[in-house]
């Protein structure tokens, strides 16, 4: 499974979001409705799924799904 598909599945676990809305260009807040609390939970789920730990709050500038995917490549 590619990185995008894994991120998409993780987002689907977090929120009841129509999977068709989860694209690389989707804005986490505007398009997907992920608020600040859900965003923190998403980051925790991403870290667990990919076995990583973001450093120095590098995720704070993530606004689109593409930002998450790019950080994992």
PDB file of N, CA and C in Angstrom:
ATOM      1  N   UNK A   1       0.855  -1.169   0.000  1.00  0.00           N
ATOM      2  CA  UNK A   1       0.000   0.000   0.000  1.00  0.00           C
ATOM      3  C   UNK A   1       0.909   1.243   0.000  1.00  0.00           C
ATOM      4  N   UNK A   2       0.619   2.208  -0.846  1.00  0.00           N
ATOM      5  CA  UNK A   2       1.437   3.414  -0.940  1.00  0.00           C
ATOM      6  C   UNK A   2       1.191   4.329   0.267  1.00  0.00           C
ATOM      7  N   UNK A   3       2.090   5.285   0.443  1.00  0.00           N
ATOM      8  CA  UNK A   3       2.011   6.194   1.584  1.00  0.00           C
ATOM      9  C   UNK A   3       0.666   6.920   1.617  1.00  0.00           C
ATOM     10  N   UNK A   4       0.231   7.447   0.473  1.00  0.00           N
ATOM     11  CA  UNK A   4      -1.048   8.165   0.439  1.00  0.00           C
ATOM     12  C   UNK A   4      -2.196   7.281   0.900  1.00  0.00           C
ATOM     13  N   UNK A   5      -2.239   6.051   0.430  1.00  0.00           N
ATOM     14  CA  UNK A   5      -3.333   5.150   0.812  1.00  0.00           C
ATOM     15  C   UNK A   5      -3.326   4.878   2.318  1.00  0.00           C
ATOM     16  N   UNK A   6      -2.140   4.738   2.898  1.00  0.00           N
ATOM     17  CA  UNK A   6      -2.043   4.513   4.347  1.00  0.00           C
ATOM     18  C   UNK A   6      -2.509   5.746   5.123  1.00  0.00           C
ATOM     19  N   UNK A   7      -2.124   6.923   4.644  1.00  0.00           N
ATOM     20  CA  UNK A   7      -2.570   8.163   5.292  1.00  0.00           C
ATOM     21  C   UNK A   7      -4.086   8.291   5.167  1.00  0.00           C
ATOM     22  N   UNK A   8      -4.598   7.999   3.994  1.00  0.00           N
ATOM     23  CA  UNK A   8      -6.046   8.076   3.761  1.00  0.00           C
ATOM     24  C   UNK A   8      -6.796   7.150   4.715  1.00  0.00           C
ATOM     25  N   UNK A   9      -6.329   5.918   4.863  1.00  0.00           N
ATOM     26  CA  UNK A   9      -6.973   4.962   5.773  1.00  0.00           C
ATOM     27  C   UNK A   9      -6.924   5.470   7.220  1.00  0.00           C
ATOM     28  N   UNK A  10      -5.818   6.107   7.584  1.00  0.00           N
ATOM     29  CA  UNK A  10      -5.684   6.648   8.935  1.00  0.00           C
ATOM     30  C   UNK A  10      -6.684   7.776   9.159  1.00  0.00           C
ATOM     31  N   UNK A  11      -6.837   8.645   8.166  1.00  0.00           N
ATOM     32  CA  UNK A  11      -7.812   9.734   8.274  1.00  0.00           C
ATOM     33  C   UNK A  11      -9.224   9.158   8.384  1.00  0.00           C
ATOM     34  N   UNK A  12      -9.495   8.117   7.626  1.00  0.00           N
ATOM     35  CA  UNK A  12     -10.820   7.477   7.687  1.00  0.00           C
ATOM     36  C   UNK A  12     -11.084   6.910   9.074  1.00  0.00           C
ATOM     37  N   UNK A  13     -10.061   6.394   9.749  1.00  0.00           N
ATOM     38  CA  UNK A  13     -10.223   5.861  11.102  1.00  0.00           C
ATOM     39  C   UNK A  13     -10.563   6.964  12.095  1.00  0.00           C
ATOM     40  N   UNK A  14      -9.980   8.121  11.869  1.00  0.00           N
ATOM     41  CA  UNK A  14     -10.137   9.239  12.793  1.00  0.00           C
ATOM     42  C   UNK A  14     -11.510   9.884  12.699  1.00  0.00           C
ATOM     43  N   UNK A  15     -11.946  10.126  11.515  1.00  0.00           N
ATOM     44  CA  UNK A  15     -13.176  10.879  11.289  1.00  0.00           C
ATOM     45  C   UNK A  15     -14.094  10.114  10.340  1.00  0.00           C
ATOM     46  N   UNK A  16     -15.364  10.334  10.450  1.00  0.00           N
ATOM     47  CA  UNK A  16     -16.306   9.770   9.486  1.00  0.00           C
ATOM     48  C   UNK A  16     -16.365  10.712   8.296  1.00  0.00           C
ATOM     49  N   UNK A  17     -15.401  10.526   7.394  1.00  0.00           N
ATOM     50  CA  UNK A  17     -15.258  11.388   6.229  1.00  0.00           C
ATOM     51  C   UNK A  17     -15.471  10.541   4.986  1.00  0.00           C
ATOM     52  N   UNK A  18     -16.198  11.087   4.035  1.00  0.00           N
ATOM     53  CA  UNK A  18     -16.373  10.415   2.755  1.00  0.00           C
ATOM     54  C   UNK A  18     -14.992  10.194   2.153  1.00  0.00           C
ATOM     55  N   UNK A  19     -14.593   8.942   1.913  1.00  0.00           N
ATOM     56  CA  UNK A  19     -13.264   8.650   1.373  1.00  0.00           C
ATOM     57  C   UNK A  19     -12.975   9.368   0.048  1.00  0.00           C
ATOM     58  N   UNK A  20     -14.004   9.671  -0.708  1.00  0.00           N
ATOM     59  CA  UNK A  20     -13.802  10.367  -1.984  1.00  0.00           C
ATOM     60  C   UNK A  20     -13.290  11.792  -1.782  1.00  0.00           C
ATOM     61  N   UNK A  21     -13.505  12.360  -0.594  1.00  0.00           N
ATOM     62  CA  UNK A  21     -13.039  13.716  -0.296  1.00  0.00           C
ATOM     63  C   UNK A  21     -11.561  13.754   0.084  1.00  0.00           C
ATOM     64  N   UNK A  22     -11.017  12.605   0.461  1.00  0.00           N
ATOM     65  CA  UNK A  22      -9.627  12.560   0.921  1.00  0.00           C
ATOM     66  C   UNK A  22      -8.714  12.404  -0.295  1.00  0.00           C
ATOM     67  N   UNK A  23      -8.213  13.545  -0.743  1.00  0.00           N
ATOM     68  CA  UNK A  23      -7.281  13.587  -1.877  1.00  0.00           C
ATOM     69  C   UNK A  23      -6.009  14.269  -1.405  1.00  0.00           C
ATOM     70  N   UNK A  24      -4.974  14.212  -2.220  1.00  0.00           N
ATOM     71  CA  UNK A  24      -3.719  14.868  -1.858  1.00  0.00           C
ATOM     72  C   UNK A  24      -3.903  16.365  -1.649  1.00  0.00           C
ATOM     73  N   UNK A  25      -4.781  16.973  -2.424  1.00  0.00           N
ATOM     74  CA  UNK A  25      -4.986  18.425  -2.343  1.00  0.00           C
ATOM     75  C   UNK A  25      -6.033  18.844  -1.320  1.00  0.00           C
ATOM     76  N   UNK A  26      -6.632  17.902  -0.621  1.00  0.00           N
ATOM     77  CA  UNK A  26      -7.679  18.230   0.349  1.00  0.00           C
ATOM     78  C   UNK A  26      -7.089  18.991   1.534  1.00  0.00           C
ATOM     79  N   UNK A  27      -7.751  20.082   1.885  1.00  0.00           N
ATOM     80  CA  UNK A  27      -7.374  20.861   3.053  1.00  0.00           C
ATOM     81  C   UNK A  27      -7.929  20.151   4.288  1.00  0.00           C
ATOM     82  N   UNK A  28      -7.075  19.960   5.280  1.00  0.00           N
ATOM     83  CA  UNK A  28      -7.484  19.199   6.458  1.00  0.00           C
ATOM     84  C   UNK A  28      -8.663  19.832   7.191  1.00  0.00           C
ATOM     85  N   UNK A  29      -8.665  21.144   7.323  1.00  0.00           N
ATOM     86  CA  UNK A  29      -9.748  21.824   8.033  1.00  0.00           C
ATOM     87  C   UNK A  29     -10.928  22.127   7.120  1.00  0.00           C
ATOM     88  N   UNK A  30     -10.675  22.788   6.016  1.00  0.00           N
ATOM     89  CA  UNK A  30     -11.758  23.266   5.149  1.00  0.00           C
ATOM     90  C   UNK A  30     -12.482  22.119   4.441  1.00  0.00           C
ATOM     91  N   UNK A  31     -11.719  21.231   3.823  1.00  0.00           N
ATOM     92  CA  UNK A  31     -12.338  20.151   3.037  1.00  0.00           C
ATOM     93  C   UNK A  31     -12.757  18.956   3.882  1.00  0.00           C
ATOM     94  N   UNK A  32     -11.954  18.644   4.910  1.00  0.00           N
ATOM     95  CA  UNK A  32     -12.206  17.425   5.682  1.00  0.00           C
ATOM     96  C   UNK A  32     -12.780  17.685   7.071  1.00  0.00           C
ATOM     97  N   UNK A  33     -12.789  18.937   7.505  1.00  0.00           N
ATOM     98  CA  UNK A  33     -13.376  19.273   8.797  1.00  0.00           C
ATOM     99  C   UNK A  33     -12.582  18.799   9.994  1.00  0.00           C
ATOM    100  N   UNK A  34     -11.274  18.622   9.825  1.00  0.00           N
ATOM    101  CA  UNK A  34     -10.431  18.164  10.933  1.00  0.00           C
ATOM    102  C   UNK A  34     -10.038  19.386  11.766  1.00  0.00           C
ATOM    103  N   UNK A  35     -10.604  19.478  12.972  1.00  0.00           N
ATOM    104  CA  UNK A  35     -10.309  20.611  13.847  1.00  0.00           C
ATOM    105  C   UNK A  35      -9.009  20.359  14.619  1.00  0.00           C
ATOM    106  N   UNK A  36      -8.650  21.262  15.503  1.00  0.00           N
ATOM    107  CA  UNK A  36      -7.356  21.175  16.186  1.00  0.00           C
ATOM    108  C   UNK A  36      -7.226  19.923  17.057  1.00  0.00           C
ATOM    109  N   UNK A  37      -8.275  19.551  17.735  1.00  0.00           N
ATOM    110  CA  UNK A  37      -8.234  18.339  18.571  1.00  0.00           C
ATOM    111  C   UNK A  37      -8.085  17.100  17.689  1.00  0.00           C
ATOM    112  N   UNK A  38      -8.868  17.025  16.637  1.00  0.00           N
ATOM    113  CA  UNK A  38      -8.772  15.891  15.722  1.00  0.00           C
ATOM    114  C   UNK A  38      -7.417  15.857  15.030  1.00  0.00           C
ATOM    115  N   UNK A  39      -6.853  17.029  14.755  1.00  0.00           N
ATOM    116  CA  UNK A  39      -5.541  17.093  14.111  1.00  0.00           C
ATOM    117  C   UNK A  39      -4.469  16.465  15.006  1.00  0.00           C
ATOM    118  N   UNK A  40      -4.503  16.781  16.287  1.00  0.00           N
ATOM    119  CA  UNK A  40      -3.539  16.182  17.223  1.00  0.00           C
ATOM    120  C   UNK A  40      -3.702  14.670  17.243  1.00  0.00           C
ATOM    121  N   UNK A  41      -4.939  14.207  17.286  1.00  0.00           N
ATOM    122  CA  UNK A  41      -5.187  12.761  17.254  1.00  0.00           C
ATOM    123  C   UNK A  41      -4.704  12.147  15.943  1.00  0.00           C
ATOM    124  N   UNK A  42      -4.888  12.861  14.840  1.00  0.00           N
ATOM    125  CA  UNK A  42      -4.414  12.370  13.545  1.00  0.00           C
ATOM    126  C   UNK A  42      -2.895  12.225  13.548  1.00  0.00           C
ATOM    127  N   UNK A  43      -2.205  13.210  14.074  1.00  0.00           N
ATOM    128  CA  UNK A  43      -0.736  13.144  14.134  1.00  0.00           C
ATOM    129  C   UNK A  43      -0.299  11.940  14.965  1.00  0.00           C
ATOM    130  N   UNK A  44      -0.956  11.708  16.087  1.00  0.00           N
ATOM    131  CA  UNK A  44      -0.627  10.548  16.926  1.00  0.00           C
ATOM    132  C   UNK A  44      -0.861   9.237  16.178  1.00  0.00           C
ATOM    133  N   UNK A  45      -1.966   9.161  15.446  1.00  0.00           N
ATOM    134  CA  UNK A  45      -2.255   7.957  14.658  1.00  0.00           C
ATOM    135  C   UNK A  45      -1.239   7.763  13.532  1.00  0.00           C
ATOM    136  N   UNK A  46      -0.843   8.851  12.875  1.00  0.00           N
ATOM    137  CA  UNK A  46       0.157   8.774  11.802  1.00  0.00           C
ATOM    138  C   UNK A  46       1.491   8.281  12.372  1.00  0.00           C
ATOM    139  N   UNK A  47       1.883   8.837  13.518  1.00  0.00           N
ATOM    140  CA  UNK A  47       3.130   8.408  14.150  1.00  0.00           C
ATOM    141  C   UNK A  47       3.092   6.916  14.477  1.00  0.00           C
ATOM    142  N   UNK A  48       1.966   6.453  14.967  1.00  0.00           N
ATOM    143  CA  UNK A  48       1.833   5.030  15.304  1.00  0.00           C
ATOM    144  C   UNK A  48       1.838   4.167  14.043  1.00  0.00           C
ATOM    145  N   UNK A  49       1.074   4.561  13.035  1.00  0.00           N
ATOM    146  CA  UNK A  49       0.972   3.794  11.789  1.00  0.00           C
ATOM    147  C   UNK A  49       2.321   3.651  11.093  1.00  0.00           C
ATOM    148  N   UNK A  50       3.111   4.722  11.108  1.00  0.00           N
ATOM    149  CA  UNK A  50       4.370   4.729  10.366  1.00  0.00           C
ATOM    150  C   UNK A  50       5.592   4.506  11.258  1.00  0.00           C
ATOM    151  N   UNK A  51       5.371   4.343  12.556  1.00  0.00           N
ATOM    152  CA  UNK A  51       6.478   4.076  13.470  1.00  0.00           C
ATOM    153  C   UNK A  51       7.484   5.216  13.521  1.00  0.00           C
ATOM    154  N   UNK A  52       6.966   6.448  13.511  1.00  0.00           N
ATOM    155  CA  UNK A  52       7.836   7.626  13.521  1.00  0.00           C
ATOM    156  C   UNK A  52       7.465   8.527  14.687  1.00  0.00           C
ATOM    157  N   UNK A  53       8.263   9.544  14.890  1.00  0.00           N
ATOM    158  CA  UNK A  53       7.964  10.576  15.878  1.00  0.00           C
ATOM    159  C   UNK A  53       8.363  11.901  15.256  1.00  0.00           C
ATOM    160  N   UNK A  54       7.390  12.779  15.042  1.00  0.00           N
ATOM    161  CA  UNK A  54       7.693  14.103  14.502  1.00  0.00           C
ATOM    162  C   UNK A  54       8.479  14.886  15.543  1.00  0.00           C
ATOM    163  N   UNK A  55       9.471  15.634  15.078  1.00  0.00           N
ATOM    164  CA  UNK A  55      10.318  16.416  15.976  1.00  0.00           C
ATOM    165  C   UNK A  55      10.037  17.898  15.797  1.00  0.00           C
ATOM    166  N   UNK A  56      10.239  18.639  16.869  1.00  0.00           N
ATOM    167  CA  UNK A  56      10.164  20.103  16.827  1.00  0.00           C
ATOM    168  C   UNK A  56       8.865  20.623  16.216  1.00  0.00           C
ATOM    169  N   UNK A  57       7.789  19.933  16.444  1.00  0.00           N
ATOM    170  CA  UNK A  57       6.476  20.382  15.962  1.00  0.00           C
ATOM    171  C   UNK A  57       6.460  20.625  14.457  1.00  0.00           C
ATOM    172  N   UNK A  58       7.212  19.790  13.700  1.00  0.00           N
ATOM    173  CA  UNK A  58       7.271  19.983  12.251  1.00  0.00           C
ATOM    174  C   UNK A  58       5.901  19.830  11.579  1.00  0.00           C
ATOM    175  N   UNK A  59       4.980  19.220  12.264  1.00  0.00           N
ATOM    176  CA  UNK A  59       3.643  19.021  11.712  1.00  0.00           C
ATOM    177  C   UNK A  59       2.765  20.267  11.822  1.00  0.00           C
ATOM    178  N   UNK A  60       3.200  21.283  12.537  1.00  0.00           N
ATOM    179  CA  UNK A  60       2.344  22.451  12.794  1.00  0.00           C
ATOM    180  C   UNK A  60       1.955  23.205  11.525  1.00  0.00           C
ATOM    181  N   UNK A  61       2.716  23.038  10.459  1.00  0.00           N
ATOM    182  CA  UNK A  61       2.403  23.719   9.202  1.00  0.00           C
ATOM    183  C   UNK A  61       1.641  22.833   8.215  1.00  0.00           C
ATOM    184  N   UNK A  62       1.256  21.632   8.648  1.00  0.00           N
ATOM    185  CA  UNK A  62       0.488  20.761   7.757  1.00  0.00           C
ATOM    186  C   UNK A  62      -0.910  21.345   7.577  1.00  0.00           C
ATOM    187  N   UNK A  63      -1.276  21.620   6.346  1.00  0.00           N
ATOM    188  CA  UNK A  63      -2.622  22.103   6.071  1.00  0.00           C
ATOM    189  C   UNK A  63      -3.353  21.200   5.086  1.00  0.00           C
ATOM    190  N   UNK A  64      -2.613  20.460   4.299  1.00  0.00           N
ATOM    191  CA  UNK A  64      -3.205  19.577   3.284  1.00  0.00           C
ATOM    192  C   UNK A  64      -2.736  18.145   3.503  1.00  0.00           C
ATOM    193  N   UNK A  65      -3.473  17.216   2.955  1.00  0.00           N
ATOM    194  CA  UNK A  65      -3.089  15.807   3.032  1.00  0.00           C
ATOM    195  C   UNK A  65      -1.697  15.634   2.420  1.00  0.00           C
ATOM    196  N   UNK A  66      -1.416  16.346   1.353  1.00  0.00           N
ATOM    197  CA  UNK A  66      -0.111  16.274   0.686  1.00  0.00           C
ATOM    198  C   UNK A  66       1.035  16.600   1.649  1.00  0.00           C
ATOM    199  N   UNK A  67       0.817  17.523   2.559  1.00  0.00           N
ATOM    200  CA  UNK A  67       1.860  17.880   3.531  1.00  0.00           C
ATOM    201  C   UNK A  67       2.230  16.684   4.401  1.00  0.00           C
ATOM    202  N   UNK A  68       1.226  15.931   4.809  1.00  0.00           N
ATOM    203  CA  UNK A  68       1.476  14.736   5.621  1.00  0.00           C
ATOM    204  C   UNK A  68       2.223  13.698   4.804  1.00  0.00           C
ATOM    205  N   UNK A  69       1.739  13.433   3.610  1.00  0.00           N
ATOM    206  CA  UNK A  69       2.350  12.427   2.739  1.00  0.00           C
ATOM    207  C   UNK A  69       3.805  12.795   2.455  1.00  0.00           C
ATOM    208  N   UNK A  70       4.066  14.045   2.128  1.00  0.00           N
ATOM    209  CA  UNK A  70       5.434  14.487   1.824  1.00  0.00           C
ATOM    210  C   UNK A  70       6.373  14.309   3.016  1.00  0.00           C
ATOM    211  N   UNK A  71       5.840  14.487   4.210  1.00  0.00           N
ATOM    212  CA  UNK A  71       6.677  14.345   5.410  1.00  0.00           C
ATOM    213  C   UNK A  71       7.076  12.905   5.655  1.00  0.00           C
ATOM    214  N   UNK A  72       6.395  11.977   5.027  1.00  0.00           N
ATOM    215  CA  UNK A  72       6.635  10.545   5.263  1.00  0.00           C
ATOM    216  C   UNK A  72       7.478   9.885   4.188  1.00  0.00           C
ATOM    217  N   UNK A  73       7.828  10.631   3.170  1.00  0.00           N
ATOM    218  CA  UNK A  73       8.617  10.043   2.071  1.00  0.00           C
ATOM    219  C   UNK A  73      10.079  10.262   2.270  1.00  0.00           C
TER     220      UNK A  73
END
